[in-house]
Amino acid sequence: MSSNSEFWELYKRPEWQEKRLEIMQRADFKCEECGSKDKTLHVHHGYYERGKKPWEYPSSSLRCLCERCHEEYTCLMLSIRSWLADLNFLDLNRVHGYLIGMIICSCKFAHEYETQSREFMVGISDACHLEHNDVLFASQQREDGDTFAISFEKIREAIATRQKNGSEGRREAYEAGLREGLGAHRSELDAKLYMVAG
């Protein structure tokens, strides 16, 4: 692209109009953030890459947002980028791992991510509330000895195991408390156990 105006001209092209319609249809013509159907809708790019045309991005990186949510989302992303500028390389790796950990926890797709950064793995363990060893066990060391392939599916299994063990541990403590004569606190313990197990 030789100029900014040429870039914005691409948004008038039929390829973009078709992609835009696809994203809006996927969202049932409502804002994917606030659910509004009666406001002007935009299709938001989650990121930009130099040289890529607006319609060349994967649909998963595009969101249908109302004008207000689009503006708020854009401001939030600018704020995040400005804060990231103050971090050193190790901290950025940890934040990157944290972001991937959040994606692992919220999405169900199977994926594998390769890294050479221990800080990245610490970020995943922070986001997923796992011990660092849990992330290591969910990873496979590559032949070069420096690279680890982290399986999203194995991380989710580790999360489920940790949650199950945590709930069972609290249940055992509850039952032990009952055996030791703490029956007077049964309703309080029942409520806590229900919150944990539910």
C-alpha atoms as a PDB file:
ATOM      1  CA  MET A   1       0.000   0.000   0.000  1.00  0.00           C
ATOM      2  CA  SER A   2       1.513   3.288  -0.990  1.00  0.00           C
ATOM      3  CA  SER A   3      -0.854   5.520   0.973  1.00  0.00           C
ATOM      4  CA  ASN A   4      -3.400   5.549   3.740  1.00  0.00           C
ATOM      5  CA  SER A   5      -6.158   6.674   1.342  1.00  0.00           C
ATOM      6  CA  GLU A   6      -5.479   3.646  -0.904  1.00  0.00           C
ATOM      7  CA  PHE A   7      -5.859   1.382   2.135  1.00  0.00           C
ATOM      8  CA  TRP A   8      -9.259   2.871   3.009  1.00  0.00           C
ATOM      9  CA  GLU A   9     -10.344   2.509  -0.626  1.00  0.00           C
ATOM     10  CA  LEU A  10     -10.005  -1.274  -0.153  1.00  0.00           C
ATOM     11  CA  TYR A  11     -13.024  -1.144   2.174  1.00  0.00           C
ATOM     12  CA  LYS A  12     -15.177  -0.224  -0.841  1.00  0.00           C
ATOM     13  CA  ARG A  13     -14.132  -3.324  -2.774  1.00  0.00           C
ATOM     14  CA  PRO A  14     -16.647  -6.180  -3.281  1.00  0.00           C
ATOM     15  CA  GLU A  15     -14.270  -8.658  -1.584  1.00  0.00           C
ATOM     16  CA  TRP A  16     -14.533  -6.679   1.662  1.00  0.00           C
ATOM     17  CA  GLN A  17     -18.270  -6.130   1.320  1.00  0.00           C
ATOM     18  CA  GLU A  18     -18.738  -9.899   0.960  1.00  0.00           C
ATOM     19  CA  LYS A  19     -16.522 -10.655   3.987  1.00  0.00           C
ATOM     20  CA  ARG A  20     -18.269  -7.928   6.016  1.00  0.00           C
ATOM     21  CA  LEU A  21     -21.690  -9.403   5.204  1.00  0.00           C
ATOM     22  CA  GLU A  22     -20.471 -12.882   6.204  1.00  0.00           C
ATOM     23  CA  ILE A  23     -19.345 -11.603   9.638  1.00  0.00           C
ATOM     24  CA  MET A  24     -22.580  -9.684  10.206  1.00  0.00           C
ATOM     25  CA  GLN A  25     -24.683 -12.710   9.226  1.00  0.00           C
ATOM     26  CA  ARG A  26     -22.645 -14.882  11.600  1.00  0.00           C
ATOM     27  CA  ALA A  27     -23.516 -12.398  14.377  1.00  0.00           C
ATOM     28  CA  ASP A  28     -27.199 -12.380  13.343  1.00  0.00           C
ATOM     29  CA  PHE A  29     -26.835  -8.651  12.588  1.00  0.00           C
ATOM     30  CA  LYS A  30     -26.295  -7.683  16.219  1.00  0.00           C
ATOM     31  CA  CYS A  31     -23.352  -6.393  18.217  1.00  0.00           C
ATOM     32  CA  GLU A  32     -21.309  -9.307  19.539  1.00  0.00           C
ATOM     33  CA  GLU A  33     -20.448  -7.281  22.638  1.00  0.00           C
ATOM     34  CA  CYS A  34     -23.665  -5.594  23.813  1.00  0.00           C
ATOM     35  CA  GLY A  35     -26.236  -7.490  21.719  1.00  0.00           C
ATOM     36  CA  SER A  36     -27.750  -4.353  20.160  1.00  0.00           C
ATOM     37  CA  LYS A  37     -29.651  -4.841  16.900  1.00  0.00           C
ATOM     38  CA  ASP A  38     -30.781  -1.243  16.398  1.00  0.00           C
ATOM     39  CA  LYS A  39     -27.391   0.520  16.138  1.00  0.00           C
ATOM     40  CA  THR A  40     -25.048   0.995  13.201  1.00  0.00           C
ATOM     41  CA  LEU A  41     -22.821  -2.067  12.938  1.00  0.00           C
ATOM     42  CA  HIS A  42     -19.125  -2.244  12.084  1.00  0.00           C
ATOM     43  CA  VAL A  43     -16.831  -5.193  11.462  1.00  0.00           C
ATOM     44  CA  HIS A  44     -13.805  -4.867  13.705  1.00  0.00           C
ATOM     45  CA  HIS A  45     -10.391  -6.310  12.834  1.00  0.00           C
ATOM     46  CA  GLY A  46      -8.798  -7.803  15.955  1.00  0.00           C
ATOM     47  CA  TYR A  47      -5.373  -6.976  14.500  1.00  0.00           C
ATOM     48  CA  TYR A  48      -3.723  -5.682  11.361  1.00  0.00           C
ATOM     49  CA  GLU A  49      -0.755  -7.012   9.419  1.00  0.00           C
ATOM     50  CA  ARG A  50       1.237  -4.922   7.002  1.00  0.00           C
ATOM     51  CA  GLY A  51       0.347  -5.740   3.395  1.00  0.00           C
ATOM     52  CA  LYS A  52      -2.804  -7.728   4.182  1.00  0.00           C
ATOM     53  CA  LYS A  53      -6.035  -6.673   2.550  1.00  0.00           C
ATOM     54  CA  PRO A  54      -9.065  -6.237   4.851  1.00  0.00           C
ATOM     55  CA  TRP A  55     -10.796  -9.382   3.532  1.00  0.00           C
ATOM     56  CA  GLU A  56      -7.695 -11.604   3.867  1.00  0.00           C
ATOM     57  CA  TYR A  57      -8.026 -11.979   7.655  1.00  0.00           C
ATOM     58  CA  PRO A  58      -9.505 -15.142   9.158  1.00  0.00           C
ATOM     59  CA  SER A  59     -13.159 -14.755  10.120  1.00  0.00           C
ATOM     60  CA  SER A  60     -12.273 -15.693  13.707  1.00  0.00           C
ATOM     61  CA  SER A  61     -10.306 -12.416  13.999  1.00  0.00           C
ATOM     62  CA  LEU A  62     -13.262 -10.274  12.887  1.00  0.00           C
ATOM     63  CA  ARG A  63     -16.115  -9.182  15.164  1.00  0.00           C
ATOM     64  CA  CYS A  64     -19.419  -7.489  14.491  1.00  0.00           C
ATOM     65  CA  LEU A  65     -19.668  -4.496  16.844  1.00  0.00           C
ATOM     66  CA  CYS A  66     -21.968  -1.530  17.158  1.00  0.00           C
ATOM     67  CA  GLU A  67     -20.404   1.892  16.688  1.00  0.00           C
ATOM     68  CA  ARG A  68     -20.084   2.549  20.438  1.00  0.00           C
ATOM     69  CA  CYS A  69     -18.577  -0.875  21.264  1.00  0.00           C
ATOM     70  CA  HIS A  70     -16.243  -0.585  18.263  1.00  0.00           C
ATOM     71  CA  GLU A  71     -14.949   2.750  19.556  1.00  0.00           C
ATOM     72  CA  GLU A  72     -14.551   1.403  23.110  1.00  0.00           C
ATOM     73  CA  TYR A  73     -12.807  -1.734  21.835  1.00  0.00           C
ATOM     74  CA  THR A  74     -10.419   0.342  19.713  1.00  0.00           C
ATOM     75  CA  CYS A  75      -9.594   2.650  22.655  1.00  0.00           C
ATOM     76  CA  LEU A  76      -9.025  -0.348  24.934  1.00  0.00           C
ATOM     77  CA  MET A  77      -6.656  -1.971  22.428  1.00  0.00           C
ATOM     78  CA  LEU A  78      -4.689   1.294  22.092  1.00  0.00           C
ATOM     79  CA  SER A  79      -4.435   1.551  25.873  1.00  0.00           C
ATOM     80  CA  ILE A  80      -3.210  -2.055  26.147  1.00  0.00           C
ATOM     81  CA  ARG A  81      -0.597  -1.453  23.423  1.00  0.00           C
ATOM     82  CA  SER A  82       0.667   1.656  25.210  1.00  0.00           C
ATOM     83  CA  TRP A  83       1.081  -0.268  28.503  1.00  0.00           C
ATOM     84  CA  LEU A  84       2.801  -3.161  26.720  1.00  0.00           C
ATOM     85  CA  ALA A  85       5.379  -0.691  25.392  1.00  0.00           C
ATOM     86  CA  ASP A  86       6.726  -0.298  28.950  1.00  0.00           C
ATOM     87  CA  LEU A  87       7.464  -4.020  29.422  1.00  0.00           C
ATOM     88  CA  ASN A  88      10.755  -5.788  28.829  1.00  0.00           C
ATOM     89  CA  PHE A  89      11.063  -8.879  26.635  1.00  0.00           C
ATOM     90  CA  LEU A  90      10.648 -11.435  29.476  1.00  0.00           C
ATOM     91  CA  ASP A  91       7.556  -9.669  30.792  1.00  0.00           C
ATOM     92  CA  LEU A  92       6.079  -9.509  27.277  1.00  0.00           C
ATOM     93  CA  ASN A  93       6.586 -13.270  26.958  1.00  0.00           C
ATOM     94  CA  ARG A  94       4.773 -13.781  30.243  1.00  0.00           C
ATOM     95  CA  VAL A  95       1.872 -11.541  29.131  1.00  0.00           C
ATOM     96  CA  HIS A  96       1.767 -13.414  25.818  1.00  0.00           C
ATOM     97  CA  GLY A  97       1.532 -16.709  27.720  1.00  0.00           C
ATOM     98  CA  TYR A  98      -1.204 -15.262  29.936  1.00  0.00           C
ATOM     99  CA  LEU A  99      -3.226 -14.269  26.858  1.00  0.00           C
ATOM    100  CA  ILE A 100      -2.826 -17.733  25.348  1.00  0.00           C
ATOM    101  CA  GLY A 101      -3.827 -19.224  28.722  1.00  0.00           C
ATOM    102  CA  MET A 102      -7.019 -17.136  28.701  1.00  0.00           C
ATOM    103  CA  ILE A 103      -7.776 -18.413  25.193  1.00  0.00           C
ATOM    104  CA  ILE A 104      -7.133 -22.005  26.294  1.00  0.00           C
ATOM    105  CA  CYS A 105      -9.581 -21.562  29.183  1.00  0.00           C
ATOM    106  CA  SER A 106     -12.324 -19.941  27.100  1.00  0.00           C
ATOM    107  CA  CYS A 107     -12.159 -21.786  23.754  1.00  0.00           C
ATOM    108  CA  LYS A 108     -12.718 -25.432  22.969  1.00  0.00           C
ATOM    109  CA  PHE A 109     -10.650 -25.801  19.805  1.00  0.00           C
ATOM    110  CA  ALA A 110      -7.630 -28.099  19.789  1.00  0.00           C
ATOM    111  CA  HIS A 111      -4.370 -26.378  19.058  1.00  0.00           C
ATOM    112  CA  GLU A 112      -0.700 -26.621  19.832  1.00  0.00           C
ATOM    113  CA  TYR A 113       1.599 -23.689  20.476  1.00  0.00           C
ATOM    114  CA  GLU A 114       5.387 -23.769  20.309  1.00  0.00           C
ATOM    115  CA  THR A 115       7.593 -21.642  22.517  1.00  0.00           C
ATOM    116  CA  GLN A 116      11.155 -21.431  23.767  1.00  0.00           C
ATOM    117  CA  SER A 117      10.236 -19.095  26.608  1.00  0.00           C
ATOM    118  CA  ARG A 118       9.838 -20.310  30.169  1.00  0.00           C
ATOM    119  CA  GLU A 119       8.169 -16.962  30.984  1.00  0.00           C
ATOM    120  CA  PHE A 120       5.524 -17.733  28.344  1.00  0.00           C
ATOM    121  CA  MET A 121       4.794 -21.013  30.131  1.00  0.00           C
ATOM    122  CA  VAL A 122       4.606 -19.199  33.493  1.00  0.00           C
ATOM    123  CA  GLY A 123       2.038 -16.846  31.922  1.00  0.00           C
ATOM    124  CA  ILE A 124      -0.094 -19.825  30.868  1.00  0.00           C
ATOM    125  CA  SER A 125       0.104 -21.329  34.357  1.00  0.00           C
ATOM    126  CA  ASP A 126      -0.912 -17.945  35.882  1.00  0.00           C
ATOM    127  CA  ALA A 127      -3.918 -17.556  33.563  1.00  0.00           C
ATOM    128  CA  CYS A 128      -5.083 -21.152  34.028  1.00  0.00           C
ATOM    129  CA  HIS A 129      -4.419 -21.264  37.799  1.00  0.00           C
ATOM    130  CA  LEU A 130      -2.020 -24.177  37.340  1.00  0.00           C
ATOM    131  CA  GLU A 131       1.362 -25.018  38.764  1.00  0.00           C
ATOM    132  CA  HIS A 132       4.267 -24.516  36.358  1.00  0.00           C
ATOM    133  CA  ASN A 133       4.836 -28.296  36.363  1.00  0.00           C
ATOM    134  CA  ASP A 134       1.259 -28.814  35.105  1.00  0.00           C
ATOM    135  CA  VAL A 135       2.142 -26.792  32.006  1.00  0.00           C
ATOM    136  CA  LEU A 136       5.411 -28.697  31.559  1.00  0.00           C
ATOM    137  CA  PHE A 137       3.527 -32.019  31.723  1.00  0.00           C
ATOM    138  CA  ALA A 138       1.093 -30.721  29.077  1.00  0.00           C
ATOM    139  CA  SER A 139       4.028 -29.891  26.807  1.00  0.00           C
ATOM    140  CA  GLN A 140       6.306 -31.917  24.619  1.00  0.00           C
ATOM    141  CA  GLN A 141       9.955 -30.967  24.288  1.00  0.00           C
ATOM    142  CA  ARG A 142      11.108 -30.790  20.666  1.00  0.00           C
ATOM    143  CA  GLU A 143      14.324 -32.340  19.345  1.00  0.00           C
ATOM    144  CA  ASP A 144      16.248 -29.050  19.586  1.00  0.00           C
ATOM    145  CA  GLY A 145      15.841 -29.258  23.379  1.00  0.00           C
ATOM    146  CA  ASP A 146      14.843 -25.584  23.631  1.00  0.00           C
ATOM    147  CA  THR A 147      11.361 -25.617  22.121  1.00  0.00           C
ATOM    148  CA  PHE A 148       8.224 -26.865  23.837  1.00  0.00           C
ATOM    149  CA  ALA A 149       4.964 -27.693  22.051  1.00  0.00           C
ATOM    150  CA  ILE A 150       2.119 -26.896  24.427  1.00  0.00           C
ATOM    151  CA  SER A 151      -1.121 -28.800  23.815  1.00  0.00           C
ATOM    152  CA  PHE A 152      -4.271 -26.765  24.503  1.00  0.00           C
ATOM    153  CA  GLU A 153      -6.189 -29.984  25.065  1.00  0.00           C
ATOM    154  CA  LYS A 154      -3.709 -31.264  27.664  1.00  0.00           C
ATOM    155  CA  ILE A 155      -3.790 -27.911  29.458  1.00  0.00           C
ATOM    156  CA  ARG A 156      -7.594 -28.130  29.661  1.00  0.00           C
ATOM    157  CA  GLU A 157      -7.249 -31.690  31.017  1.00  0.00           C
ATOM    158  CA  ALA A 158      -4.824 -30.390  33.673  1.00  0.00           C
ATOM    159  CA  ILE A 159      -7.305 -27.647  34.602  1.00  0.00           C
ATOM    160  CA  ALA A 160     -10.135 -30.194  34.928  1.00  0.00           C
ATOM    161  CA  THR A 161      -7.938 -32.502  37.034  1.00  0.00           C
ATOM    162  CA  ARG A 162      -6.869 -29.664  39.326  1.00  0.00           C
ATOM    163  CA  GLN A 163     -10.483 -28.492  39.728  1.00  0.00           C
ATOM    164  CA  LYS A 164     -11.656 -32.038  40.458  1.00  0.00           C
ATOM    165  CA  ASN A 165      -8.874 -32.612  42.975  1.00  0.00           C
ATOM    166  CA  GLY A 166      -9.547 -29.233  44.576  1.00  0.00           C
ATOM    167  CA  SER A 167     -13.258 -30.021  44.951  1.00  0.00           C
ATOM    168  CA  GLU A 168     -12.523 -33.506  46.283  1.00  0.00           C
ATOM    169  CA  GLY A 169     -10.016 -32.057  48.741  1.00  0.00           C
ATOM    170  CA  ARG A 170     -12.609 -29.617  50.061  1.00  0.00           C
ATOM    171  CA  ARG A 171     -15.226 -32.381  50.204  1.00  0.00           C
ATOM    172  CA  GLU A 172     -12.838 -34.586  52.228  1.00  0.00           C
ATOM    173  CA  ALA A 173     -12.148 -31.690  54.617  1.00  0.00           C
ATOM    174  CA  TYR A 174     -15.893 -31.135  54.978  1.00  0.00           C
ATOM    175  CA  GLU A 175     -16.511 -34.814  55.757  1.00  0.00           C
ATOM    176  CA  ALA A 176     -13.601 -34.869  58.198  1.00  0.00           C
ATOM    177  CA  GLY A 177     -15.041 -31.806  59.904  1.00  0.00           C
ATOM    178  CA  LEU A 178     -18.383 -33.557  60.293  1.00  0.00           C
ATOM    179  CA  ARG A 179     -16.649 -36.555  61.816  1.00  0.00           C
ATOM    180  CA  GLU A 180     -14.854 -34.269  64.286  1.00  0.00           C
ATOM    181  CA  GLY A 181     -18.115 -32.850  65.564  1.00  0.00           C
ATOM    182  CA  LEU A 182     -18.367 -29.683  63.469  1.00  0.00           C
ATOM    183  CA  GLY A 183     -21.952 -30.492  62.587  1.00  0.00           C
ATOM    184  CA  ALA A 184     -23.080 -27.122  63.954  1.00  0.00           C
ATOM    185  CA  HIS A 185     -21.417 -25.457  60.957  1.00  0.00           C
ATOM    186  CA  ARG A 186     -22.973 -27.861  58.485  1.00  0.00           C
ATOM    187  CA  SER A 187     -25.156 -25.327  56.631  1.00  0.00           C
ATOM    188  CA  GLU A 188     -22.187 -22.957  56.163  1.00  0.00           C
ATOM    189  CA  LEU A 189     -19.980 -25.815  54.974  1.00  0.00           C
ATOM    190  CA  ASP A 190     -22.764 -27.103  52.715  1.00  0.00           C
ATOM    191  CA  ALA A 191     -23.049 -23.663  51.104  1.00  0.00           C
ATOM    192  CA  LYS A 192     -19.280 -23.487  50.515  1.00  0.00           C
ATOM    193  CA  LEU A 193     -19.194 -27.009  49.142  1.00  0.00           C
ATOM    194  CA  TYR A 194     -22.156 -26.254  46.853  1.00  0.00           C
ATOM    195  CA  MET A 195     -20.382 -23.141  45.507  1.00  0.00           C
ATOM    196  CA  VAL A 196     -17.212 -25.138  44.823  1.00  0.00           C
ATOM    197  CA  ALA A 197     -18.875 -28.209  43.324  1.00  0.00           C
ATOM    198  CA  GLY A 198     -21.589 -26.298  41.447  1.00  0.00           C
END
